[in-house]
Amino acid sequence: MNKKWIVAAVIVQLVLWGLFQSHAYAEPLPNINIQVGNGADSGTPGTSAISILLLLTVLSIAPAILVLMTSFTRIVIVLGFLRTSLGTQQMPPNQVLIGLAMFLTFFVMSPTLAQVNDVALQPYLKGEITQTQAFEKAADPMKKFMFAQTREKDLLLFIKYTKTEKPTSYKDIPITVLVPAYAISELKTAFQMGFMIFIPFLIIDMVVSSTLMAMGMMMLPPVMISLPFKILLFILVDGWYLVVKSLLMSFNMT
């Protein structure tokens, strides 16, 4: 008897499903149009597809802007060198290093970002300047920051390659010239700081390796023995304070 009720329930479900499918095909779903911006009733046309495409393009290159036009590059590379020189593998993890680098970047860039907000973003939101004027005014503080950190040799490399006249001030330098010059200057500075961080830990590795070799412990990995000593040295000298202090002092904020 139970089997008959189960079969009957299955047949009813199949019939209901068939009726639903036939009703769905008989009445197709209505078309839905989505428009970005003001409607036709306000007299202002919506945002065009090209404008949306440009906006998505800007959002997609936002990480590159953060990396190449701010202090993020130098900070994250130095922190990466620090972890490598300690030999702690994934300690601190990548999320911690990148998060620390981002907040240090916001701290270093706060005067520049505040100036961008005052001269470009707020006037644009109030409708006092156009979008083009806002971009030009926002680029000026960023150029000033990057120019202060860029070596003259790196800047002349790209100026000579583009065969442009030597600018009289940072305002005359095209952004396409200043950004790559600033990027390679930051890479060189970061590698110099990373080399200085490596030296004390390299000395510890050499001392431990020589000691183990003198004691005849050839099969014992020197890295395993030197790791606690490197961590102890880093703690005793308050390493995180010294590294962050050196990073903050390395930026020329004039």
C-alpha atoms as a PDB file:
ATOM      1  CA  MET A   1       0.000   0.000   0.000  1.00  0.00           C
ATOM      2  CA  ASN A   2       2.849   2.365   0.792  1.00  0.00           C
ATOM      3  CA  LYS A   3       4.430   1.667  -2.575  1.00  0.00           C
ATOM      4  CA  LYS A   4       1.202   2.681  -4.367  1.00  0.00           C
ATOM      5  CA  TRP A   5       1.135   6.026  -2.524  1.00  0.00           C
ATOM      6  CA  ILE A   6       4.769   6.693  -3.438  1.00  0.00           C
ATOM      7  CA  VAL A   7       4.119   5.927  -7.132  1.00  0.00           C
ATOM      8  CA  ALA A   8       1.043   8.172  -7.115  1.00  0.00           C
ATOM      9  CA  ALA A   9       2.981  11.045  -5.542  1.00  0.00           C
ATOM     10  CA  VAL A  10       5.706  10.747  -8.188  1.00  0.00           C
ATOM     11  CA  ILE A  11       3.130  10.788 -11.003  1.00  0.00           C
ATOM     12  CA  VAL A  12       1.486  13.923  -9.559  1.00  0.00           C
ATOM     13  CA  GLN A  13       4.862  15.689  -9.344  1.00  0.00           C
ATOM     14  CA  LEU A  14       5.651  14.815 -12.959  1.00  0.00           C
ATOM     15  CA  VAL A  15       2.275  16.156 -14.119  1.00  0.00           C
ATOM     16  CA  LEU A  16       2.721  19.407 -12.200  1.00  0.00           C
ATOM     17  CA  TRP A  17       6.230  19.823 -13.590  1.00  0.00           C
ATOM     18  CA  GLY A  18       4.943  19.322 -17.140  1.00  0.00           C
ATOM     19  CA  LEU A  19       2.206  21.918 -16.640  1.00  0.00           C
ATOM     20  CA  PHE A  20       4.778  24.385 -15.279  1.00  0.00           C
ATOM     21  CA  GLN A  21       7.084  23.875 -18.235  1.00  0.00           C
ATOM     22  CA  SER A  22       4.290  24.345 -20.763  1.00  0.00           C
ATOM     23  CA  HIS A  23       3.161  27.526 -19.005  1.00  0.00           C
ATOM     24  CA  ALA A  24       6.728  28.827 -18.964  1.00  0.00           C
ATOM     25  CA  TYR A  25       7.166  28.295 -22.688  1.00  0.00           C
ATOM     26  CA  ALA A  26       3.773  29.778 -23.447  1.00  0.00           C
ATOM     27  CA  GLU A  27       4.531  33.027 -21.609  1.00  0.00           C
ATOM     28  CA  PRO A  28       8.179  34.092 -22.058  1.00  0.00           C
ATOM     29  CA  LEU A  29       9.842  36.358 -19.528  1.00  0.00           C
ATOM     30  CA  PRO A  30       9.589  40.093 -20.268  1.00  0.00           C
ATOM     31  CA  ASN A  31      12.650  42.043 -21.432  1.00  0.00           C
ATOM     32  CA  ILE A  32      14.428  44.089 -18.797  1.00  0.00           C
ATOM     33  CA  ASN A  33      16.506  47.141 -19.753  1.00  0.00           C
ATOM     34  CA  ILE A  34      19.014  48.643 -17.322  1.00  0.00           C
ATOM     35  CA  GLN A  35      20.251  52.189 -17.842  1.00  0.00           C
ATOM     36  CA  VAL A  36      23.112  53.757 -15.919  1.00  0.00           C
ATOM     37  CA  GLY A  37      22.676  57.465 -15.194  1.00  0.00           C
ATOM     38  CA  ASN A  38      19.705  59.786 -15.468  1.00  0.00           C
ATOM     39  CA  GLY A  39      16.587  58.646 -17.267  1.00  0.00           C
ATOM     40  CA  ALA A  40      14.939  60.112 -20.311  1.00  0.00           C
ATOM     41  CA  ASP A  41      12.396  61.980 -18.174  1.00  0.00           C
ATOM     42  CA  SER A  42      15.084  64.227 -16.711  1.00  0.00           C
ATOM     43  CA  GLY A  43      16.319  65.291 -20.131  1.00  0.00           C
ATOM     44  CA  THR A  44      19.828  63.933 -19.540  1.00  0.00           C
ATOM     45  CA  PRO A  45      20.876  60.785 -21.405  1.00  0.00           C
ATOM     46  CA  GLY A  46      22.244  57.837 -19.484  1.00  0.00           C
ATOM     47  CA  THR A  47      25.883  56.882 -19.294  1.00  0.00           C
ATOM     48  CA  SER A  48      27.108  55.512 -22.586  1.00  0.00           C
ATOM     49  CA  ALA A  49      28.742  52.129 -22.990  1.00  0.00           C
ATOM     50  CA  ILE A  50      32.091  53.804 -23.712  1.00  0.00           C
ATOM     51  CA  SER A  51      31.959  55.693 -20.415  1.00  0.00           C
ATOM     52  CA  ILE A  52      31.226  52.481 -18.535  1.00  0.00           C
ATOM     53  CA  LEU A  53      34.097  50.757 -20.345  1.00  0.00           C
ATOM     54  CA  LEU A  54      36.482  53.555 -19.421  1.00  0.00           C
ATOM     55  CA  LEU A  55      35.360  53.400 -15.792  1.00  0.00           C
ATOM     56  CA  LEU A  56      35.936  49.642 -15.641  1.00  0.00           C
ATOM     57  CA  THR A  57      39.365  50.136 -17.232  1.00  0.00           C
ATOM     58  CA  VAL A  58      40.348  52.667 -14.572  1.00  0.00           C
ATOM     59  CA  LEU A  59      39.170  50.321 -11.820  1.00  0.00           C
ATOM     60  CA  SER A  60      41.158  47.451 -13.328  1.00  0.00           C
ATOM     61  CA  ILE A  61      44.420  49.434 -13.299  1.00  0.00           C
ATOM     62  CA  ALA A  62      43.845  50.777  -9.788  1.00  0.00           C
ATOM     63  CA  PRO A  63      46.225  48.178  -8.261  1.00  0.00           C
ATOM     64  CA  ALA A  64      48.947  49.263 -10.678  1.00  0.00           C
ATOM     65  CA  ILE A  65      48.376  52.901  -9.672  1.00  0.00           C
ATOM     66  CA  LEU A  66      48.682  51.922  -6.001  1.00  0.00           C
ATOM     67  CA  VAL A  67      51.903  49.997  -6.634  1.00  0.00           C
ATOM     68  CA  LEU A  68      53.715  52.328  -9.023  1.00  0.00           C
ATOM     69  CA  MET A  69      52.630  55.809  -7.921  1.00  0.00           C
ATOM     70  CA  THR A  70      52.816  55.469  -4.133  1.00  0.00           C
ATOM     71  CA  SER A  71      55.286  54.316  -1.487  1.00  0.00           C
ATOM     72  CA  PHE A  72      53.856  50.780  -1.552  1.00  0.00           C
ATOM     73  CA  THR A  73      56.598  49.370  -3.806  1.00  0.00           C
ATOM     74  CA  ARG A  74      59.494  50.286  -1.530  1.00  0.00           C
ATOM     75  CA  ILE A  75      57.729  49.210   1.660  1.00  0.00           C
ATOM     76  CA  VAL A  76      56.538  45.805   0.491  1.00  0.00           C
ATOM     77  CA  ILE A  77      59.904  44.914  -1.077  1.00  0.00           C
ATOM     78  CA  VAL A  78      61.813  45.823   2.102  1.00  0.00           C
ATOM     79  CA  LEU A  79      59.415  43.786   4.218  1.00  0.00           C
ATOM     80  CA  GLY A  80      59.853  40.872   1.815  1.00  0.00           C
ATOM     81  CA  PHE A  81      63.642  41.117   2.118  1.00  0.00           C
ATOM     82  CA  LEU A  82      63.281  41.154   5.904  1.00  0.00           C
ATOM     83  CA  ARG A  83      61.281  37.929   5.952  1.00  0.00           C
ATOM     84  CA  THR A  84      63.707  36.263   3.548  1.00  0.00           C
ATOM     85  CA  SER A  85      66.757  37.292   5.573  1.00  0.00           C
ATOM     86  CA  LEU A  86      65.170  35.946   8.760  1.00  0.00           C
ATOM     87  CA  GLY A  87      64.503  32.639   7.024  1.00  0.00           C
ATOM     88  CA  THR A  88      61.106  32.185   8.680  1.00  0.00           C
ATOM     89  CA  GLN A  89      59.502  30.930   5.454  1.00  0.00           C
ATOM     90  CA  GLN A  90      55.870  32.178   5.615  1.00  0.00           C
ATOM     91  CA  MET A  91      56.099  34.048   8.916  1.00  0.00           C
ATOM     92  CA  PRO A  92      54.733  36.686   8.912  1.00  0.00           C
ATOM     93  CA  PRO A  93      52.250  35.524   6.251  1.00  0.00           C
ATOM     94  CA  ASN A  94      51.714  37.426   3.027  1.00  0.00           C
ATOM     95  CA  GLN A  95      48.414  38.878   4.223  1.00  0.00           C
ATOM     96  CA  VAL A  96      50.101  40.473   7.228  1.00  0.00           C
ATOM     97  CA  LEU A  97      52.989  41.925   5.212  1.00  0.00           C
ATOM     98  CA  ILE A  98      50.736  43.331   2.497  1.00  0.00           C
ATOM     99  CA  GLY A  99      48.309  44.734   5.078  1.00  0.00           C
ATOM    100  CA  LEU A 100      51.143  46.401   6.983  1.00  0.00           C
ATOM    101  CA  ALA A 101      52.572  47.759   3.726  1.00  0.00           C
ATOM    102  CA  MET A 102      49.196  49.196   2.738  1.00  0.00           C
ATOM    103  CA  PHE A 103      48.647  50.988   6.047  1.00  0.00           C
ATOM    104  CA  LEU A 104      52.208  52.345   6.014  1.00  0.00           C
ATOM    105  CA  THR A 105      51.526  53.522   2.466  1.00  0.00           C
ATOM    106  CA  PHE A 106      48.391  55.356   3.593  1.00  0.00           C
ATOM    107  CA  PHE A 107      50.390  56.919   6.433  1.00  0.00           C
ATOM    108  CA  VAL A 108      53.202  58.118   4.158  1.00  0.00           C
ATOM    109  CA  MET A 109      50.824  59.273   1.418  1.00  0.00           C
ATOM    110  CA  SER A 110      48.304  60.956   3.732  1.00  0.00           C
ATOM    111  CA  PRO A 111      49.597  64.538   3.149  1.00  0.00           C
ATOM    112  CA  THR A 112      49.587  63.994  -0.619  1.00  0.00           C
ATOM    113  CA  LEU A 113      46.162  62.339  -0.636  1.00  0.00           C
ATOM    114  CA  ALA A 114      44.753  65.105   1.558  1.00  0.00           C
ATOM    115  CA  GLN A 115      46.006  67.680  -0.927  1.00  0.00           C
ATOM    116  CA  VAL A 116      44.452  65.733  -3.808  1.00  0.00           C
ATOM    117  CA  ASN A 117      41.159  65.687  -1.931  1.00  0.00           C
ATOM    118  CA  ASP A 118      41.255  69.443  -1.264  1.00  0.00           C
ATOM    119  CA  VAL A 119      42.272  70.676  -4.716  1.00  0.00           C
ATOM    120  CA  ALA A 120      40.670  68.081  -6.998  1.00  0.00           C
ATOM    121  CA  LEU A 121      38.111  65.700  -5.496  1.00  0.00           C
ATOM    122  CA  GLN A 122      36.000  68.063  -3.398  1.00  0.00           C
ATOM    123  CA  PRO A 123      35.781  70.822  -6.057  1.00  0.00           C
ATOM    124  CA  TYR A 124      34.803  68.186  -8.633  1.00  0.00           C
ATOM    125  CA  LEU A 125      32.079  66.740  -6.397  1.00  0.00           C
ATOM    126  CA  LYS A 126      30.724  70.245  -5.826  1.00  0.00           C
ATOM    127  CA  GLY A 127      30.636  70.868  -9.577  1.00  0.00           C
ATOM    128  CA  GLU A 128      33.158  73.703  -9.458  1.00  0.00           C
ATOM    129  CA  ILE A 129      35.591  72.093 -11.945  1.00  0.00           C
ATOM    130  CA  THR A 130      35.279  69.645 -14.807  1.00  0.00           C
ATOM    131  CA  GLN A 131      36.539  66.082 -14.891  1.00  0.00           C
ATOM    132  CA  THR A 132      39.586  67.030 -16.974  1.00  0.00           C
ATOM    133  CA  GLN A 133      40.502  69.837 -14.597  1.00  0.00           C
ATOM    134  CA  ALA A 134      40.099  67.460 -11.650  1.00  0.00           C
ATOM    135  CA  PHE A 135      42.550  64.988 -13.180  1.00  0.00           C
ATOM    136  CA  GLU A 136      45.075  67.747 -13.860  1.00  0.00           C
ATOM    137  CA  LYS A 137      44.819  69.125 -10.321  1.00  0.00           C
ATOM    138  CA  ALA A 138      45.031  65.626  -8.797  1.00  0.00           C
ATOM    139  CA  ALA A 139      48.149  64.799 -10.808  1.00  0.00           C
ATOM    140  CA  ASP A 140      50.087  67.797  -9.465  1.00  0.00           C
ATOM    141  CA  PRO A 141      50.471  66.578  -5.821  1.00  0.00           C
ATOM    142  CA  MET A 142      51.263  63.061  -7.025  1.00  0.00           C
ATOM    143  CA  LYS A 143      53.936  64.416  -9.361  1.00  0.00           C
ATOM    144  CA  LYS A 144      55.435  66.424  -6.517  1.00  0.00           C
ATOM    145  CA  PHE A 145      55.686  63.333  -4.314  1.00  0.00           C
ATOM    146  CA  MET A 146      57.149  61.109  -7.021  1.00  0.00           C
ATOM    147  CA  PHE A 147      59.600  63.766  -8.181  1.00  0.00           C
ATOM    148  CA  ALA A 148      60.984  64.105  -4.637  1.00  0.00           C
ATOM    149  CA  GLN A 149      61.794  60.367  -4.567  1.00  0.00           C
ATOM    150  CA  THR A 150      63.064  60.004  -8.146  1.00  0.00           C
ATOM    151  CA  ARG A 151      66.743  60.065  -9.018  1.00  0.00           C
ATOM    152  CA  GLU A 152      67.805  62.520 -11.662  1.00  0.00           C
ATOM    153  CA  LYS A 153      69.622  59.795 -13.596  1.00  0.00           C
ATOM    154  CA  ASP A 154      66.483  57.670 -13.891  1.00  0.00           C
ATOM    155  CA  LEU A 155      64.395  60.666 -14.899  1.00  0.00           C
ATOM    156  CA  LEU A 156      66.842  61.731 -17.612  1.00  0.00           C
ATOM    157  CA  LEU A 157      66.779  58.203 -19.027  1.00  0.00           C
ATOM    158  CA  PHE A 158      63.116  58.455 -20.003  1.00  0.00           C
ATOM    159  CA  ILE A 159      63.311  62.125 -20.954  1.00  0.00           C
ATOM    160  CA  LYS A 160      66.108  61.411 -23.425  1.00  0.00           C
ATOM    161  CA  TYR A 161      64.309  58.357 -24.775  1.00  0.00           C
ATOM    162  CA  THR A 162      61.180  60.394 -25.537  1.00  0.00           C
ATOM    163  CA  LYS A 163      63.359  63.212 -26.954  1.00  0.00           C
ATOM    164  CA  THR A 164      61.541  65.850 -24.945  1.00  0.00           C
ATOM    165  CA  GLU A 165      63.013  69.065 -23.645  1.00  0.00           C
ATOM    166  CA  LYS A 166      64.449  69.099 -20.145  1.00  0.00           C
ATOM    167  CA  PRO A 167      61.667  70.364 -17.852  1.00  0.00           C
ATOM    168  CA  THR A 168      62.165  73.343 -15.600  1.00  0.00           C
ATOM    169  CA  SER A 169      59.978  71.941 -12.786  1.00  0.00           C
ATOM    170  CA  TYR A 170      58.145  68.764 -11.892  1.00  0.00           C
ATOM    171  CA  LYS A 171      54.903  70.225 -13.258  1.00  0.00           C
ATOM    172  CA  ASP A 172      56.318  70.122 -16.790  1.00  0.00           C
ATOM    173  CA  ILE A 173      57.197  66.407 -16.603  1.00  0.00           C
ATOM    174  CA  PRO A 174      54.642  64.152 -18.349  1.00  0.00           C
ATOM    175  CA  ILE A 175      53.103  61.539 -16.100  1.00  0.00           C
ATOM    176  CA  THR A 176      54.103  58.832 -18.597  1.00  0.00           C
ATOM    177  CA  VAL A 177      57.756  59.790 -18.036  1.00  0.00           C
ATOM    178  CA  LEU A 178      57.661  60.334 -14.290  1.00  0.00           C
ATOM    179  CA  VAL A 179      55.925  57.081 -13.305  1.00  0.00           C
ATOM    180  CA  PRO A 180      58.476  54.605 -14.780  1.00  0.00           C
ATOM    181  CA  ALA A 181      61.380  56.764 -13.559  1.00  0.00           C
ATOM    182  CA  TYR A 182      59.883  56.773 -10.078  1.00  0.00           C
ATOM    183  CA  ALA A 183      59.297  53.006 -10.223  1.00  0.00           C
ATOM    184  CA  ILE A 184      62.906  52.074 -11.017  1.00  0.00           C
ATOM    185  CA  SER A 185      64.155  54.558  -8.421  1.00  0.00           C
ATOM    186  CA  GLU A 186      61.961  52.889  -5.809  1.00  0.00           C
ATOM    187  CA  LEU A 187      63.236  49.458  -6.831  1.00  0.00           C
ATOM    188  CA  LYS A 188      66.850  50.537  -6.425  1.00  0.00           C
ATOM    189  CA  THR A 189      66.214  52.131  -3.037  1.00  0.00           C
ATOM    190  CA  ALA A 190      64.301  49.074  -1.824  1.00  0.00           C
ATOM    191  CA  PHE A 191      67.086  46.704  -2.892  1.00  0.00           C
ATOM    192  CA  GLN A 192      69.684  48.870  -1.175  1.00  0.00           C
ATOM    193  CA  MET A 193      67.722  48.750   2.077  1.00  0.00           C
ATOM    194  CA  GLY A 194      67.178  45.014   1.663  1.00  0.00           C
ATOM    195  CA  PHE A 195      70.926  44.461   1.262  1.00  0.00           C
ATOM    196  CA  MET A 196      71.613  46.333   4.506  1.00  0.00           C
ATOM    197  CA  ILE A 197      69.030  44.166   6.276  1.00  0.00           C
ATOM    198  CA  PHE A 198      70.655  40.987   4.977  1.00  0.00           C
ATOM    199  CA  ILE A 199      74.149  41.710   6.365  1.00  0.00           C
ATOM    200  CA  PRO A 200      73.673  40.972  10.116  1.00  0.00           C
ATOM    201  CA  PHE A 201      71.654  37.822   9.452  1.00  0.00           C
ATOM    202  CA  LEU A 202      74.217  36.650   6.900  1.00  0.00           C
ATOM    203  CA  ILE A 203      76.951  37.028   9.515  1.00  0.00           C
ATOM    204  CA  ILE A 204      74.978  34.847  11.930  1.00  0.00           C
ATOM    205  CA  ASP A 205      74.575  32.170   9.237  1.00  0.00           C
ATOM    206  CA  MET A 206      78.313  32.220   8.513  1.00  0.00           C
ATOM    207  CA  VAL A 207      79.252  31.966  12.207  1.00  0.00           C
ATOM    208  CA  VAL A 208      76.862  29.091  12.836  1.00  0.00           C
ATOM    209  CA  SER A 209      77.983  27.263   9.701  1.00  0.00           C
ATOM    210  CA  SER A 210      81.675  27.634  10.600  1.00  0.00           C
ATOM    211  CA  THR A 211      81.010  26.452  14.161  1.00  0.00           C
ATOM    212  CA  LEU A 212      79.131  23.362  13.020  1.00  0.00           C
ATOM    213  CA  MET A 213      81.842  22.531  10.516  1.00  0.00           C
ATOM    214  CA  ALA A 214      84.548  22.884  13.179  1.00  0.00           C
ATOM    215  CA  MET A 215      82.597  20.570  15.482  1.00  0.00           C
ATOM    216  CA  GLY A 216      82.245  17.980  12.720  1.00  0.00           C
ATOM    217  CA  MET A 217      78.479  18.241  12.491  1.00  0.00           C
ATOM    218  CA  MET A 218      78.398  18.180   8.710  1.00  0.00           C
ATOM    219  CA  MET A 219      74.925  16.648   8.391  1.00  0.00           C
ATOM    220  CA  LEU A 220      73.159  19.158  10.653  1.00  0.00           C
ATOM    221  CA  PRO A 221      71.508  21.975   8.609  1.00  0.00           C
ATOM    222  CA  PRO A 222      73.020  25.339   9.654  1.00  0.00           C
ATOM    223  CA  VAL A 223      69.726  27.117   8.900  1.00  0.00           C
ATOM    224  CA  MET A 224      67.952  25.122  11.602  1.00  0.00           C
ATOM    225  CA  ILE A 225      70.478  26.232  14.223  1.00  0.00           C
ATOM    226  CA  SER A 226      70.862  29.842  13.089  1.00  0.00           C
ATOM    227  CA  LEU A 227      67.119  30.570  12.888  1.00  0.00           C
ATOM    228  CA  PRO A 228      66.560  30.916  16.669  1.00  0.00           C
ATOM    229  CA  PHE A 229      69.632  33.156  16.975  1.00  0.00           C
ATOM    230  CA  LYS A 230      68.419  35.415  14.162  1.00  0.00           C
ATOM    231  CA  ILE A 231      64.970  35.704  15.709  1.00  0.00           C
ATOM    232  CA  LEU A 232      66.531  36.422  19.117  1.00  0.00           C
ATOM    233  CA  LEU A 233      68.757  39.137  17.633  1.00  0.00           C
ATOM    234  CA  PHE A 234      65.806  40.676  15.808  1.00  0.00           C
ATOM    235  CA  ILE A 235      63.777  40.790  19.031  1.00  0.00           C
ATOM    236  CA  LEU A 236      66.599  42.206  21.158  1.00  0.00           C
ATOM    237  CA  VAL A 237      67.264  45.133  18.806  1.00  0.00           C
ATOM    238  CA  ASP A 238      63.503  45.781  18.366  1.00  0.00           C
ATOM    239  CA  GLY A 239      63.739  45.010  14.659  1.00  0.00           C
ATOM    240  CA  TRP A 240      60.233  45.940  13.577  1.00  0.00           C
ATOM    241  CA  TYR A 241      60.601  49.388  15.102  1.00  0.00           C
ATOM    242  CA  LEU A 242      63.952  49.956  13.374  1.00  0.00           C
ATOM    243  CA  VAL A 243      62.745  48.711   9.988  1.00  0.00           C
ATOM    244  CA  VAL A 244      59.556  50.798  10.004  1.00  0.00           C
ATOM    245  CA  LYS A 245      61.471  53.843  11.269  1.00  0.00           C
ATOM    246  CA  SER A 246      64.043  53.447   8.478  1.00  0.00           C
ATOM    247  CA  LEU A 247      61.265  53.145   5.899  1.00  0.00           C
ATOM    248  CA  LEU A 248      59.508  56.292   7.096  1.00  0.00           C
ATOM    249  CA  MET A 249      62.749  58.286   7.240  1.00  0.00           C
ATOM    250  CA  SER A 250      63.781  57.122   3.767  1.00  0.00           C
ATOM    251  CA  PHE A 251      61.007  59.100   2.081  1.00  0.00           C
ATOM    252  CA  ASN A 252      61.995  62.627   1.175  1.00  0.00           C
ATOM    253  CA  MET A 253      58.898  64.642   2.036  1.00  0.00           C
ATOM    254  CA  THR A 254      60.314  68.038   1.053  1.00  0.00           C
END
